[in-house]
Amino acid sequence: MQQSLNQALLTDQVDAIFGAFRNIEGVELAAQGDFVILPATELGVPDYAELVIIANPQRLQDDADYAQRVKAFLAATAAGQQAALADPQVAIDALTPETEGSYDPEVLAKMVEATLALLPADGFGRQSADDWATYATWMHDNGLLESEVDGAQATTNDYLP
């Protein structure tokens, strides 16, 4: 699970990196030195969902078993998030064997703490159609998308528990 973006920065091969998760690489960097973390949203990028779960929309409509498995996966993930919020040590204990040798246990605990602090207050997985539309417009306006996209059509909360 070790992230690789930090290595170039830590070995002075580059002066900056982009794309790091502040709750993972940011915490790791803070533990290893004096680095400045600049969230993209503080640099003019509109708010966006960093981690998303993607499913085939046509298959969700056509295959009831697939749709049910997606719902079950999301429900299990939501339950895990609730357990972690209720007792962060649960998350640390679950991650420790999977990350052994990759992260110092104290740094891992700080990563969990930083991650939990970023979770939205309105419930697991909730996506804002307005945020997606704003982000898609920003991407188009900044030449990252060749044509306009209706960002609101890129998300749904219909399969969440």
N, C-alpha and C. Protein backbone atom coordinates (compact mmCIF):
# COMPACT_ATOMS: atom_id res chain seq x y z
N MET A 1 0.80 -1.19 0.00
CA MET A 1 0.00 0.00 0.00
C MET A 1 0.84 1.26 0.00
N GLN A 2 2.12 1.14 0.10
CA GLN A 2 3.00 2.31 0.17
C GLN A 2 2.81 3.18 -1.07
N GLN A 3 2.63 4.46 -0.85
CA GLN A 3 2.49 5.40 -1.96
C GLN A 3 3.88 5.73 -2.50
N SER A 4 3.99 5.98 -3.79
CA SER A 4 5.30 6.21 -4.39
C SER A 4 5.56 7.68 -4.73
N LEU A 5 4.57 8.55 -4.64
CA LEU A 5 4.79 9.95 -5.01
C LEU A 5 5.82 10.63 -4.12
N ASN A 6 5.87 10.25 -2.86
CA ASN A 6 6.77 10.92 -1.93
C ASN A 6 8.24 10.65 -2.20
N GLN A 7 8.56 9.51 -2.74
CA GLN A 7 9.97 9.11 -2.85
C GLN A 7 10.81 10.12 -3.62
N ALA A 8 10.30 10.62 -4.72
CA ALA A 8 11.05 11.60 -5.51
C ALA A 8 11.28 12.88 -4.71
N LEU A 9 10.31 13.27 -3.92
CA LEU A 9 10.44 14.48 -3.10
C LEU A 9 11.42 14.25 -1.95
N LEU A 10 11.31 13.10 -1.31
CA LEU A 10 12.18 12.80 -0.17
C LEU A 10 13.64 12.62 -0.57
N THR A 11 13.88 12.25 -1.81
CA THR A 11 15.26 12.05 -2.28
C THR A 11 15.76 13.24 -3.09
N ASP A 12 15.05 14.36 -3.01
CA ASP A 12 15.44 15.61 -3.67
C ASP A 12 15.54 15.50 -5.19
N GLN A 13 14.80 14.56 -5.79
CA GLN A 13 14.77 14.45 -7.24
C GLN A 13 13.84 15.49 -7.86
N VAL A 14 12.86 15.96 -7.08
CA VAL A 14 11.93 16.98 -7.53
C VAL A 14 11.70 17.97 -6.39
N ASP A 15 11.19 19.14 -6.74
CA ASP A 15 10.90 20.16 -5.73
C ASP A 15 9.45 20.12 -5.27
N ALA A 16 8.59 19.47 -6.04
CA ALA A 16 7.17 19.42 -5.69
C ALA A 16 6.54 18.20 -6.35
N ILE A 17 5.43 17.76 -5.78
CA ILE A 17 4.65 16.69 -6.38
C ILE A 17 3.19 17.13 -6.42
N PHE A 18 2.44 16.59 -7.36
CA PHE A 18 1.02 16.90 -7.47
C PHE A 18 0.27 15.58 -7.51
N GLY A 19 -0.84 15.54 -6.85
CA GLY A 19 -1.65 14.34 -6.88
C GLY A 19 -1.58 13.53 -5.61
N ALA A 20 -0.85 14.02 -4.63
CA ALA A 20 -0.75 13.32 -3.36
C ALA A 20 -2.02 13.51 -2.55
N PHE A 21 -2.38 12.51 -1.81
CA PHE A 21 -3.51 12.62 -0.88
C PHE A 21 -2.98 13.20 0.42
N ARG A 22 -3.53 14.33 0.84
CA ARG A 22 -3.01 15.00 2.04
C ARG A 22 -3.18 14.14 3.29
N ASN A 23 -4.14 13.24 3.29
CA ASN A 23 -4.35 12.38 4.45
C ASN A 23 -3.42 11.16 4.45
N ILE A 24 -2.73 10.91 3.37
CA ILE A 24 -1.79 9.78 3.30
C ILE A 24 -0.38 10.33 3.10
N GLU A 25 -0.06 10.73 1.87
CA GLU A 25 1.28 11.25 1.62
C GLU A 25 1.57 12.49 2.44
N GLY A 26 0.56 13.35 2.63
CA GLY A 26 0.77 14.56 3.42
C GLY A 26 1.17 14.24 4.85
N VAL A 27 0.51 13.27 5.45
CA VAL A 27 0.84 12.86 6.82
C VAL A 27 2.22 12.22 6.85
N GLU A 28 2.50 11.39 5.86
CA GLU A 28 3.81 10.73 5.79
C GLU A 28 4.93 11.76 5.64
N LEU A 29 4.72 12.75 4.77
CA LEU A 29 5.73 13.79 4.59
C LEU A 29 5.92 14.61 5.86
N ALA A 30 4.83 14.94 6.54
CA ALA A 30 4.94 15.71 7.79
C ALA A 30 5.76 14.95 8.83
N ALA A 31 5.68 13.63 8.81
CA ALA A 31 6.44 12.82 9.76
C ALA A 31 7.92 12.74 9.39
N GLN A 32 8.25 13.06 8.13
CA GLN A 32 9.63 12.90 7.67
C GLN A 32 10.36 14.20 7.41
N GLY A 33 9.69 15.31 7.58
CA GLY A 33 10.38 16.57 7.33
C GLY A 33 9.44 17.75 7.32
N ASP A 34 9.98 18.87 6.90
CA ASP A 34 9.22 20.11 6.88
C ASP A 34 8.77 20.39 5.44
N PHE A 35 7.57 19.95 5.12
CA PHE A 35 7.03 20.11 3.78
C PHE A 35 5.75 20.93 3.84
N VAL A 36 5.47 21.65 2.78
CA VAL A 36 4.25 22.44 2.69
C VAL A 36 3.24 21.66 1.85
N ILE A 37 2.05 21.49 2.39
CA ILE A 37 0.97 20.81 1.68
C ILE A 37 -0.03 21.87 1.23
N LEU A 38 -0.27 21.94 -0.07
CA LEU A 38 -1.22 22.90 -0.63
C LEU A 38 -2.37 22.14 -1.27
N PRO A 39 -3.50 22.01 -0.59
CA PRO A 39 -4.64 21.34 -1.21
C PRO A 39 -5.06 22.06 -2.49
N ALA A 40 -5.40 21.30 -3.51
CA ALA A 40 -5.78 21.88 -4.80
C ALA A 40 -6.92 22.87 -4.67
N THR A 41 -7.83 22.62 -3.73
CA THR A 41 -8.96 23.52 -3.55
C THR A 41 -8.54 24.89 -3.02
N GLU A 42 -7.35 24.98 -2.46
CA GLU A 42 -6.83 26.28 -2.02
C GLU A 42 -6.07 26.99 -3.13
N LEU A 43 -5.96 26.33 -4.28
CA LEU A 43 -5.25 26.90 -5.42
C LEU A 43 -6.20 27.21 -6.58
N GLY A 44 -7.50 27.24 -6.30
CA GLY A 44 -8.47 27.60 -7.32
C GLY A 44 -9.22 26.46 -7.97
N VAL A 45 -8.88 25.23 -7.62
CA VAL A 45 -9.62 24.09 -8.16
C VAL A 45 -10.90 23.93 -7.33
N PRO A 46 -12.06 23.79 -7.99
CA PRO A 46 -13.29 23.63 -7.21
C PRO A 46 -13.27 22.34 -6.41
N ASP A 47 -14.09 22.30 -5.38
CA ASP A 47 -14.19 21.11 -4.55
C ASP A 47 -14.55 19.91 -5.42
N TYR A 48 -13.98 18.77 -5.12
CA TYR A 48 -14.22 17.57 -5.91
C TYR A 48 -14.09 16.35 -5.02
N ALA A 49 -14.70 15.26 -5.44
CA ALA A 49 -14.60 14.00 -4.73
C ALA A 49 -13.29 13.33 -5.15
N GLU A 50 -12.41 13.10 -4.18
CA GLU A 50 -11.11 12.52 -4.51
C GLU A 50 -11.21 11.03 -4.78
N LEU A 51 -12.00 10.34 -3.99
CA LEU A 51 -12.15 8.90 -4.17
C LEU A 51 -13.59 8.62 -4.55
N VAL A 52 -13.77 7.93 -5.65
CA VAL A 52 -15.11 7.61 -6.11
C VAL A 52 -15.17 6.12 -6.46
N ILE A 53 -16.35 5.60 -6.46
CA ILE A 53 -16.57 4.21 -6.86
C ILE A 53 -17.32 4.27 -8.18
N ILE A 54 -16.79 3.58 -9.16
CA ILE A 54 -17.34 3.65 -10.51
C ILE A 54 -18.01 2.33 -10.86
N ALA A 55 -19.20 2.41 -11.40
CA ALA A 55 -19.93 1.23 -11.87
C ALA A 55 -20.48 1.56 -13.25
N ASN A 56 -20.70 0.54 -14.04
CA ASN A 56 -21.22 0.69 -15.39
C ASN A 56 -22.71 1.06 -15.32
N PRO A 57 -23.08 2.27 -15.74
CA PRO A 57 -24.48 2.70 -15.59
C PRO A 57 -25.47 1.85 -16.39
N GLN A 58 -25.08 1.43 -17.58
CA GLN A 58 -25.98 0.61 -18.38
C GLN A 58 -26.19 -0.75 -17.72
N ARG A 59 -25.12 -1.32 -17.19
CA ARG A 59 -25.24 -2.62 -16.53
C ARG A 59 -26.05 -2.50 -15.24
N LEU A 60 -25.93 -1.37 -14.55
CA LEU A 60 -26.75 -1.16 -13.35
C LEU A 60 -28.23 -1.21 -13.70
N GLN A 61 -28.59 -0.68 -14.87
CA GLN A 61 -29.99 -0.69 -15.30
C GLN A 61 -30.44 -2.06 -15.78
N ASP A 62 -29.54 -2.76 -16.48
CA ASP A 62 -29.91 -4.00 -17.16
C ASP A 62 -29.73 -5.27 -16.33
N ASP A 63 -28.90 -5.23 -15.31
CA ASP A 63 -28.52 -6.43 -14.57
C ASP A 63 -28.81 -6.24 -13.08
N ALA A 64 -29.95 -6.77 -12.65
CA ALA A 64 -30.38 -6.59 -11.25
C ALA A 64 -29.38 -7.19 -10.27
N ASP A 65 -28.76 -8.31 -10.63
CA ASP A 65 -27.78 -8.93 -9.74
C ASP A 65 -26.56 -8.03 -9.56
N TYR A 66 -26.10 -7.46 -10.66
CA TYR A 66 -24.97 -6.52 -10.60
C TYR A 66 -25.32 -5.32 -9.73
N ALA A 67 -26.50 -4.75 -9.95
CA ALA A 67 -26.93 -3.60 -9.16
C ALA A 67 -27.00 -3.95 -7.68
N GLN A 68 -27.48 -5.15 -7.36
CA GLN A 68 -27.56 -5.58 -5.97
C GLN A 68 -26.16 -5.76 -5.36
N ARG A 69 -25.22 -6.28 -6.15
CA ARG A 69 -23.85 -6.44 -5.64
C ARG A 69 -23.20 -5.08 -5.40
N VAL A 70 -23.47 -4.11 -6.27
CA VAL A 70 -22.95 -2.76 -6.06
C VAL A 70 -23.54 -2.18 -4.77
N LYS A 71 -24.85 -2.34 -4.57
CA LYS A 71 -25.48 -1.85 -3.35
C LYS A 71 -24.89 -2.53 -2.11
N ALA A 72 -24.67 -3.84 -2.19
CA ALA A 72 -24.10 -4.57 -1.05
C ALA A 72 -22.68 -4.10 -0.75
N PHE A 73 -21.90 -3.88 -1.79
CA PHE A 73 -20.53 -3.37 -1.61
C PHE A 73 -20.55 -2.01 -0.94
N LEU A 74 -21.42 -1.13 -1.41
CA LEU A 74 -21.52 0.21 -0.83
C LEU A 74 -22.00 0.15 0.61
N ALA A 75 -22.94 -0.74 0.91
CA ALA A 75 -23.43 -0.89 2.28
C ALA A 75 -22.31 -1.38 3.20
N ALA A 76 -21.52 -2.34 2.72
CA ALA A 76 -20.41 -2.85 3.53
C ALA A 76 -19.35 -1.78 3.74
N THR A 77 -19.07 -1.01 2.71
CA THR A 77 -18.09 0.07 2.82
C THR A 77 -18.60 1.13 3.79
N ALA A 78 -19.88 1.45 3.71
CA ALA A 78 -20.48 2.43 4.64
C ALA A 78 -20.40 1.93 6.08
N ALA A 79 -20.64 0.64 6.28
CA ALA A 79 -20.55 0.07 7.62
C ALA A 79 -19.12 0.16 8.15
N GLY A 80 -18.15 -0.09 7.28
CA GLY A 80 -16.75 0.05 7.69
C GLY A 80 -16.42 1.48 8.06
N GLN A 81 -16.93 2.43 7.29
CA GLN A 81 -16.69 3.84 7.61
C GLN A 81 -17.32 4.18 8.96
N GLN A 82 -18.54 3.73 9.20
CA GLN A 82 -19.20 4.00 10.48
C GLN A 82 -18.42 3.41 11.64
N ALA A 83 -17.91 2.19 11.45
CA ALA A 83 -17.12 1.56 12.51
C ALA A 83 -15.86 2.36 12.79
N ALA A 84 -15.22 2.85 11.75
CA ALA A 84 -14.00 3.64 11.91
C ALA A 84 -14.29 4.97 12.60
N LEU A 85 -15.41 5.59 12.24
CA LEU A 85 -15.77 6.85 12.88
C LEU A 85 -16.10 6.65 14.37
N ALA A 86 -16.76 5.54 14.67
CA ALA A 86 -17.13 5.26 16.06
C ALA A 86 -15.91 4.92 16.91
N ASP A 87 -14.94 4.23 16.29
CA ASP A 87 -13.74 3.82 17.02
C ASP A 87 -12.58 3.74 16.02
N PRO A 88 -11.81 4.81 15.89
CA PRO A 88 -10.71 4.83 14.92
C PRO A 88 -9.73 3.67 15.08
N GLN A 89 -9.62 3.12 16.27
CA GLN A 89 -8.70 2.00 16.48
C GLN A 89 -9.11 0.79 15.65
N VAL A 90 -10.41 0.65 15.38
CA VAL A 90 -10.91 -0.43 14.53
C VAL A 90 -10.27 -0.34 13.15
N ALA A 91 -10.23 0.87 12.59
CA ALA A 91 -9.62 1.07 11.27
C ALA A 91 -8.12 0.81 11.33
N ILE A 92 -7.48 1.30 12.37
CA ILE A 92 -6.03 1.09 12.51
C ILE A 92 -5.73 -0.40 12.60
N ASP A 93 -6.50 -1.12 13.40
CA ASP A 93 -6.29 -2.57 13.56
C ASP A 93 -6.52 -3.32 12.25
N ALA A 94 -7.50 -2.88 11.46
CA ALA A 94 -7.77 -3.53 10.17
C ALA A 94 -6.67 -3.25 9.16
N LEU A 95 -6.11 -2.06 9.20
CA LEU A 95 -5.08 -1.67 8.22
C LEU A 95 -3.68 -2.17 8.59
N THR A 96 -3.41 -2.34 9.86
CA THR A 96 -2.05 -2.67 10.30
C THR A 96 -1.46 -3.90 9.61
N PRO A 97 -2.15 -5.04 9.56
CA PRO A 97 -1.53 -6.19 8.89
C PRO A 97 -1.33 -5.98 7.39
N GLU A 98 -2.20 -5.17 6.78
CA GLU A 98 -2.11 -4.92 5.34
C GLU A 98 -1.00 -3.95 4.99
N THR A 99 -0.57 -3.16 5.95
CA THR A 99 0.44 -2.13 5.69
C THR A 99 1.76 -2.40 6.40
N GLU A 100 1.85 -3.56 7.04
CA GLU A 100 3.06 -3.88 7.80
C GLU A 100 4.30 -3.77 6.90
N GLY A 101 5.28 -3.04 7.38
CA GLY A 101 6.50 -2.83 6.61
C GLY A 101 6.43 -1.62 5.69
N SER A 102 5.24 -1.08 5.50
CA SER A 102 5.08 0.09 4.63
C SER A 102 4.98 1.38 5.41
N TYR A 103 4.25 1.36 6.51
CA TYR A 103 4.04 2.57 7.30
C TYR A 103 4.39 2.32 8.76
N ASP A 104 5.01 3.29 9.37
CA ASP A 104 5.23 3.28 10.80
C ASP A 104 3.86 3.27 11.48
N PRO A 105 3.66 2.46 12.52
CA PRO A 105 2.35 2.40 13.17
C PRO A 105 1.83 3.75 13.67
N GLU A 106 2.71 4.61 14.17
CA GLU A 106 2.26 5.94 14.62
C GLU A 106 1.81 6.80 13.45
N VAL A 107 2.51 6.68 12.32
CA VAL A 107 2.13 7.44 11.13
C VAL A 107 0.80 6.91 10.58
N LEU A 108 0.63 5.59 10.59
CA LEU A 108 -0.63 5.00 10.14
C LEU A 108 -1.80 5.52 10.97
N ALA A 109 -1.62 5.61 12.27
CA ALA A 109 -2.69 6.13 13.14
C ALA A 109 -3.02 7.58 12.78
N LYS A 110 -2.00 8.36 12.47
CA LYS A 110 -2.24 9.76 12.07
C LYS A 110 -2.93 9.82 10.70
N MET A 111 -2.62 8.88 9.81
CA MET A 111 -3.29 8.83 8.51
C MET A 111 -4.78 8.54 8.69
N VAL A 112 -5.08 7.59 9.57
CA VAL A 112 -6.49 7.27 9.84
C VAL A 112 -7.20 8.49 10.41
N GLU A 113 -6.57 9.15 11.37
CA GLU A 113 -7.16 10.35 11.97
C GLU A 113 -7.40 11.43 10.91
N ALA A 114 -6.43 11.65 10.04
CA ALA A 114 -6.57 12.66 8.99
C ALA A 114 -7.66 12.28 7.99
N THR A 115 -7.77 11.00 7.69
CA THR A 115 -8.80 10.53 6.76
C THR A 115 -10.19 10.72 7.35
N LEU A 116 -10.35 10.32 8.59
CA LEU A 116 -11.66 10.45 9.23
C LEU A 116 -12.11 11.91 9.29
N ALA A 117 -11.17 12.81 9.47
CA ALA A 117 -11.50 14.24 9.53
C ALA A 117 -12.01 14.77 8.19
N LEU A 118 -11.66 14.11 7.10
CA LEU A 118 -12.08 14.56 5.77
C LEU A 118 -13.42 13.99 5.32
N LEU A 119 -13.94 13.02 6.05
CA LEU A 119 -15.18 12.38 5.63
C LEU A 119 -16.35 13.36 5.74
N PRO A 120 -17.23 13.34 4.75
CA PRO A 120 -18.33 14.31 4.75
C PRO A 120 -19.32 14.03 5.88
N ALA A 121 -19.89 15.10 6.38
CA ALA A 121 -20.84 14.99 7.49
C ALA A 121 -22.20 14.47 7.04
N ASP A 122 -22.48 14.55 5.73
CA ASP A 122 -23.82 14.17 5.26
C ASP A 122 -23.95 12.70 4.90
N GLY A 123 -23.02 11.88 5.33
CA GLY A 123 -23.16 10.44 5.14
C GLY A 123 -22.21 9.87 4.12
N PHE A 124 -22.04 8.58 4.21
CA PHE A 124 -21.11 7.86 3.35
C PHE A 124 -21.46 8.01 1.88
N GLY A 125 -20.45 8.37 1.10
CA GLY A 125 -20.55 8.33 -0.34
C GLY A 125 -21.40 9.38 -1.01
N ARG A 126 -22.03 10.23 -0.26
CA ARG A 126 -22.92 11.23 -0.86
C ARG A 126 -22.14 12.12 -1.82
N GLN A 127 -22.70 12.29 -3.01
CA GLN A 127 -22.09 13.12 -4.04
C GLN A 127 -23.04 14.27 -4.35
N SER A 128 -22.47 15.43 -4.59
CA SER A 128 -23.26 16.60 -4.94
C SER A 128 -23.24 16.79 -6.45
N ALA A 129 -24.41 16.74 -7.06
CA ALA A 129 -24.51 16.98 -8.51
C ALA A 129 -24.00 18.37 -8.85
N ASP A 130 -24.26 19.34 -7.98
CA ASP A 130 -23.79 20.71 -8.22
C ASP A 130 -22.26 20.76 -8.21
N ASP A 131 -21.62 20.06 -7.26
CA ASP A 131 -20.15 20.03 -7.23
C ASP A 131 -19.59 19.41 -8.50
N TRP A 132 -20.20 18.31 -8.95
CA TRP A 132 -19.74 17.65 -10.18
C TRP A 132 -19.91 18.57 -11.38
N ALA A 133 -21.02 19.29 -11.45
CA ALA A 133 -21.25 20.21 -12.57
C ALA A 133 -20.24 21.34 -12.54
N THR A 134 -19.97 21.88 -11.37
CA THR A 134 -18.99 22.96 -11.23
C THR A 134 -17.61 22.48 -11.64
N TYR A 135 -17.24 21.28 -11.22
CA TYR A 135 -15.92 20.74 -11.53
C TYR A 135 -15.79 20.48 -13.04
N ALA A 136 -16.82 19.94 -13.65
CA ALA A 136 -16.78 19.68 -15.09
C ALA A 136 -16.65 20.99 -15.87
N THR A 137 -17.36 22.01 -15.45
CA THR A 137 -17.26 23.32 -16.10
C THR A 137 -15.85 23.88 -15.94
N TRP A 138 -15.29 23.76 -14.75
CA TRP A 138 -13.93 24.24 -14.50
C TRP A 138 -12.93 23.49 -15.39
N MET A 139 -13.09 22.17 -15.51
CA MET A 139 -12.19 21.38 -16.35
C MET A 139 -12.27 21.85 -17.81
N HIS A 140 -13.49 22.07 -18.31
CA HIS A 140 -13.65 22.53 -19.68
C HIS A 140 -13.05 23.92 -19.86
N ASP A 141 -13.35 24.82 -18.93
CA ASP A 141 -12.84 26.20 -19.02
C ASP A 141 -11.32 26.27 -18.97
N ASN A 142 -10.70 25.26 -18.37
CA ASN A 142 -9.24 25.25 -18.24
C ASN A 142 -8.57 24.30 -19.23
N GLY A 143 -9.31 23.89 -20.26
CA GLY A 143 -8.74 23.09 -21.34
C GLY A 143 -8.47 21.64 -20.99
N LEU A 144 -9.05 21.14 -19.91
CA LEU A 144 -8.83 19.75 -19.53
C LEU A 144 -9.86 18.81 -20.15
N LEU A 145 -10.96 19.37 -20.63
CA LEU A 145 -11.97 18.64 -21.39
C LEU A 145 -12.17 19.36 -22.71
N GLU A 146 -12.19 18.60 -23.81
CA GLU A 146 -12.35 19.22 -25.13
C GLU A 146 -13.76 19.76 -25.34
N SER A 147 -14.74 19.09 -24.78
CA SER A 147 -16.12 19.55 -24.94
C SER A 147 -16.79 19.62 -23.56
N GLU A 148 -17.87 20.37 -23.50
CA GLU A 148 -18.57 20.51 -22.24
C GLU A 148 -19.23 19.19 -21.86
N VAL A 149 -19.24 18.92 -20.57
CA VAL A 149 -19.82 17.71 -20.02
C VAL A 149 -20.79 18.12 -18.92
N ASP A 150 -21.93 17.46 -18.86
CA ASP A 150 -22.86 17.71 -17.76
C ASP A 150 -22.40 16.90 -16.56
N GLY A 151 -21.61 17.53 -15.72
CA GLY A 151 -21.04 16.84 -14.56
C GLY A 151 -22.09 16.26 -13.64
N ALA A 152 -23.26 16.88 -13.59
CA ALA A 152 -24.33 16.37 -12.72
C ALA A 152 -24.78 14.98 -13.16
N GLN A 153 -24.60 14.66 -14.44
CA GLN A 153 -24.98 13.34 -14.94
C GLN A 153 -23.94 12.27 -14.63
N ALA A 154 -22.81 12.68 -14.07
CA ALA A 154 -21.71 11.75 -13.80
C ALA A 154 -21.85 11.06 -12.45
N THR A 155 -22.87 11.40 -11.69
CA THR A 155 -22.96 10.86 -10.34
C THR A 155 -24.40 10.52 -9.97
N THR A 156 -24.52 9.62 -9.02
CA THR A 156 -25.83 9.28 -8.45
C THR A 156 -25.63 8.83 -7.01
N ASN A 157 -26.62 9.08 -6.21
CA ASN A 157 -26.64 8.57 -4.84
C ASN A 157 -27.65 7.44 -4.69
N ASP A 158 -28.20 6.98 -5.81
CA ASP A 158 -29.29 6.00 -5.81
C ASP A 158 -28.91 4.64 -5.23
N TYR A 159 -27.64 4.30 -5.22
CA TYR A 159 -27.24 2.96 -4.79
C TYR A 159 -26.65 2.95 -3.38
N LEU A 160 -26.65 4.11 -2.75
CA LEU A 160 -26.11 4.22 -1.40
C LEU A 160 -27.10 3.67 -0.38
N PRO A 161 -26.58 3.18 0.74
CA PRO A 161 -27.49 2.67 1.78
C PRO A 161 -28.31 3.80 2.42
